[in-house]
Amino acid sequence: MSTIDSTRIGDVTAEYDGQTLTLLPPEGGAAINLRLSQVHELMEFLGSFNPADLKRRQAFRVPLFDARSLAVQVGIAGRFHDATAINISLCGILVSFADPEVQPRLEETVEVRLLSAGQNLSLTGIIRSIRTRYFGLQFPNVLRNGQFEPPHGLVELVMQLQRKWLARRAERFAS
């Protein structure tokens, strides 16, 4: 007989039987089942967050569930590397690199290229955090003379991605 561990997180119940993690939403919503390998991936993702960072954040971060919604390249020492955006805000972006050999240094200045729905944007970024395979980049040029003034193209891009995220959430709650 196998043992099932269970806990409640808000109004979601999580059950784990040693092979599968099942997330049960309230009121009969569809259960989410994650195999052991997916559980490890989820744990790595969740481990990339530092609770102290949540207090320091200056802008709302838009989660990017569809990697196709934003193409990202990061220029390190003159060479560009493909990256996957995990989330983005008007102040920065969290990425992971397609090539695990890419390891920028903390506080290193990089060039960030963002491409989404015909918008092409190039920004300066600074590596502010490194956790496992996730890299937090800050956009220092959003502050001008001590005032929060992100570039217009970045505002448009983040707002476009936020609208997509909100539409996706609305669809999920409607069904």
Protein backbone atom coordinates (compact mmCIF):
# COMPACT_ATOMS: atom_id res chain seq x y z
CA MET A 1 0.00 0.00 0.00
CA SER A 2 1.49 3.36 -1.04
CA THR A 3 1.34 6.44 1.12
CA ILE A 4 -0.08 9.66 -0.31
CA ASP A 5 1.24 12.91 1.10
CA SER A 6 -1.22 15.78 0.94
CA THR A 7 -1.17 19.48 1.73
CA ARG A 8 -3.33 22.50 1.09
CA ILE A 9 -1.91 25.63 -0.56
CA GLY A 10 -4.55 28.34 -0.49
CA ASP A 11 -7.61 26.65 -1.95
CA VAL A 12 -5.61 24.06 -3.94
CA THR A 13 -4.93 20.59 -2.60
CA ALA A 14 -1.61 18.97 -3.58
CA GLU A 15 -1.23 15.19 -3.34
CA TYR A 16 1.98 13.23 -3.97
CA ASP A 17 2.21 9.44 -4.16
CA GLY A 18 5.95 9.17 -4.88
CA GLN A 19 5.45 9.11 -8.64
CA THR A 20 2.85 11.75 -9.47
CA LEU A 21 2.04 15.17 -8.02
CA THR A 22 -1.66 15.98 -8.39
CA LEU A 23 -2.93 19.53 -7.96
CA LEU A 24 -6.66 19.66 -7.24
CA PRO A 25 -8.29 23.07 -7.70
CA PRO A 26 -11.42 24.02 -5.77
CA GLU A 27 -14.97 23.30 -6.90
CA GLY A 28 -14.24 20.39 -9.20
CA GLY A 29 -11.85 22.11 -11.59
CA ALA A 30 -9.62 19.90 -13.74
CA ALA A 31 -6.80 18.20 -11.83
CA ILE A 32 -3.20 18.75 -12.94
CA ASN A 33 -0.98 15.66 -12.85
CA LEU A 34 2.81 16.00 -12.97
CA ARG A 35 5.13 13.01 -13.45
CA LEU A 36 8.24 12.73 -11.27
CA SER A 37 10.48 14.40 -13.90
CA GLN A 38 8.00 17.27 -14.17
CA VAL A 39 7.92 17.59 -10.38
CA HIS A 40 11.72 18.04 -10.42
CA GLU A 41 11.39 20.71 -13.10
CA LEU A 42 8.70 22.49 -11.07
CA MET A 43 10.85 22.37 -7.93
CA GLU A 44 13.81 23.82 -9.82
CA PHE A 45 11.60 26.60 -11.16
CA LEU A 46 10.13 27.40 -7.73
CA GLY A 47 13.62 27.26 -6.21
CA SER A 48 14.66 30.09 -8.53
CA PHE A 49 12.52 32.53 -6.54
CA ASN A 50 13.85 34.26 -3.46
CA PRO A 51 11.16 35.62 -1.10
CA ALA A 52 13.36 38.64 -0.39
CA ASP A 53 13.26 39.53 -4.09
CA LEU A 54 9.48 39.84 -3.94
CA LYS A 55 9.86 42.78 -1.56
CA ARG A 56 12.45 44.45 -3.81
CA ARG A 57 10.53 44.20 -7.08
CA GLN A 58 9.54 47.52 -8.52
CA ALA A 59 7.06 46.34 -11.16
CA PHE A 60 4.56 43.56 -11.82
CA ARG A 61 6.12 40.55 -13.55
CA VAL A 62 4.17 39.02 -16.41
CA PRO A 63 4.54 35.22 -16.44
CA LEU A 64 5.31 33.88 -19.92
CA PHE A 65 3.80 30.41 -20.27
CA ASP A 66 4.26 30.27 -24.03
CA ALA A 67 7.92 30.60 -25.02
CA ARG A 68 6.80 31.59 -28.54
CA SER A 69 5.24 34.81 -27.24
CA LEU A 70 8.67 36.40 -26.76
CA ALA A 71 11.96 35.59 -28.48
CA VAL A 72 14.98 36.55 -26.38
CA GLN A 73 18.68 36.78 -27.16
CA VAL A 74 21.28 37.90 -24.64
CA GLY A 75 24.59 39.33 -25.81
CA ILE A 76 27.47 38.35 -23.54
CA ALA A 77 30.98 39.49 -24.46
CA GLY A 78 29.84 40.29 -28.01
CA ARG A 79 28.20 36.90 -28.69
CA PHE A 80 24.42 36.40 -28.65
CA HIS A 81 22.77 33.40 -26.98
CA ASP A 82 19.14 32.24 -27.26
CA ALA A 83 17.22 32.38 -24.00
CA THR A 84 13.73 31.52 -22.78
CA ALA A 85 11.85 34.23 -20.91
CA ILE A 86 10.21 33.02 -17.68
CA ASN A 87 8.69 36.41 -16.84
CA ILE A 88 9.17 40.07 -17.74
CA SER A 89 8.42 43.45 -16.22
CA LEU A 90 9.17 47.08 -17.00
CA CYS A 91 12.27 46.73 -14.80
CA GLY A 92 13.73 43.40 -15.93
CA ILE A 93 13.39 39.86 -17.16
CA LEU A 94 14.01 36.35 -15.80
CA VAL A 95 15.54 34.00 -18.38
CA SER A 96 17.09 30.58 -18.78
CA PHE A 97 19.56 29.85 -21.57
CA ALA A 98 19.04 27.16 -24.21
CA ASP A 99 22.73 26.28 -23.89
CA PRO A 100 23.58 25.24 -20.31
CA GLU A 101 27.20 26.23 -20.95
CA VAL A 102 26.18 29.92 -21.05
CA GLN A 103 27.02 31.25 -17.59
CA PRO A 104 27.09 35.06 -17.35
CA ARG A 105 28.61 36.54 -14.21
CA LEU A 106 26.69 38.35 -11.51
CA GLU A 107 26.66 42.12 -12.17
CA GLU A 108 27.80 41.57 -15.79
CA THR A 109 26.36 44.07 -18.30
CA VAL A 110 24.70 42.40 -21.29
CA GLU A 111 22.65 43.38 -24.33
CA VAL A 112 19.10 42.02 -24.42
CA ARG A 113 17.17 41.60 -27.68
CA LEU A 114 13.41 41.09 -27.39
CA LEU A 115 11.17 40.17 -30.33
CA SER A 116 7.41 39.74 -30.08
CA ALA A 117 4.67 40.19 -32.70
CA GLY A 118 6.84 42.33 -34.95
CA GLN A 119 8.28 44.45 -32.14
CA ASN A 120 12.07 44.35 -31.99
CA LEU A 121 13.70 45.92 -28.95
CA SER A 122 17.30 46.10 -27.78
CA LEU A 123 18.06 46.98 -24.15
CA THR A 124 20.99 47.02 -21.77
CA GLY A 125 20.68 44.50 -18.96
CA ILE A 126 22.64 43.76 -15.81
CA ILE A 127 22.73 40.25 -14.33
CA ARG A 128 21.34 40.84 -10.82
CA SER A 129 20.59 37.28 -9.71
CA ILE A 130 21.63 33.75 -10.58
CA ARG A 131 19.70 30.76 -9.23
CA THR A 132 20.34 27.31 -10.63
CA ARG A 133 19.73 27.88 -14.34
CA TYR A 134 17.71 31.10 -14.02
CA PHE A 135 19.19 34.55 -14.52
CA GLY A 136 17.52 37.76 -13.35
CA LEU A 137 18.36 40.74 -15.54
CA GLN A 138 17.59 44.31 -14.59
CA PHE A 139 17.03 47.00 -17.22
CA PRO A 140 18.99 49.95 -15.75
CA ASN A 141 17.84 52.43 -18.41
CA VAL A 142 14.27 52.49 -17.05
CA LEU A 143 15.44 55.07 -14.50
CA ARG A 144 16.34 58.48 -15.86
CA ASN A 145 17.40 61.26 -13.51
CA GLY A 146 15.98 59.27 -10.62
CA GLN A 147 12.57 58.96 -12.32
CA PHE A 148 10.93 55.76 -13.54
CA GLU A 149 10.78 56.25 -17.32
CA PRO A 150 10.96 52.94 -19.19
CA PRO A 151 11.48 53.16 -22.95
CA HIS A 152 8.19 53.43 -24.87
CA GLY A 153 8.89 50.21 -26.82
CA LEU A 154 9.36 48.27 -23.58
CA VAL A 155 6.09 49.63 -22.16
CA GLU A 156 4.24 48.56 -25.34
CA LEU A 157 5.84 45.11 -25.32
CA VAL A 158 5.14 44.40 -21.64
CA MET A 159 1.55 45.68 -21.92
CA GLN A 160 0.98 43.47 -25.01
CA LEU A 161 2.29 40.40 -23.13
CA GLN A 162 0.23 41.33 -20.07
CA ARG A 163 -2.94 41.51 -22.20
CA LYS A 164 -2.18 38.02 -23.59
CA TRP A 165 -1.60 36.70 -20.05
CA LEU A 166 -4.85 38.24 -18.78
CA ALA A 167 -6.80 36.86 -21.76
CA ARG A 168 -5.40 33.39 -21.07
CA ARG A 169 -6.41 33.62 -17.41
CA ALA A 170 -9.90 34.78 -18.38
CA GLU A 171 -10.26 31.81 -20.76
CA ARG A 172 -9.19 29.36 -18.05
CA PHE A 173 -11.67 30.77 -15.53
CA ALA A 174 -14.50 30.87 -18.10
CA SER A 175 -14.22 27.16 -18.90
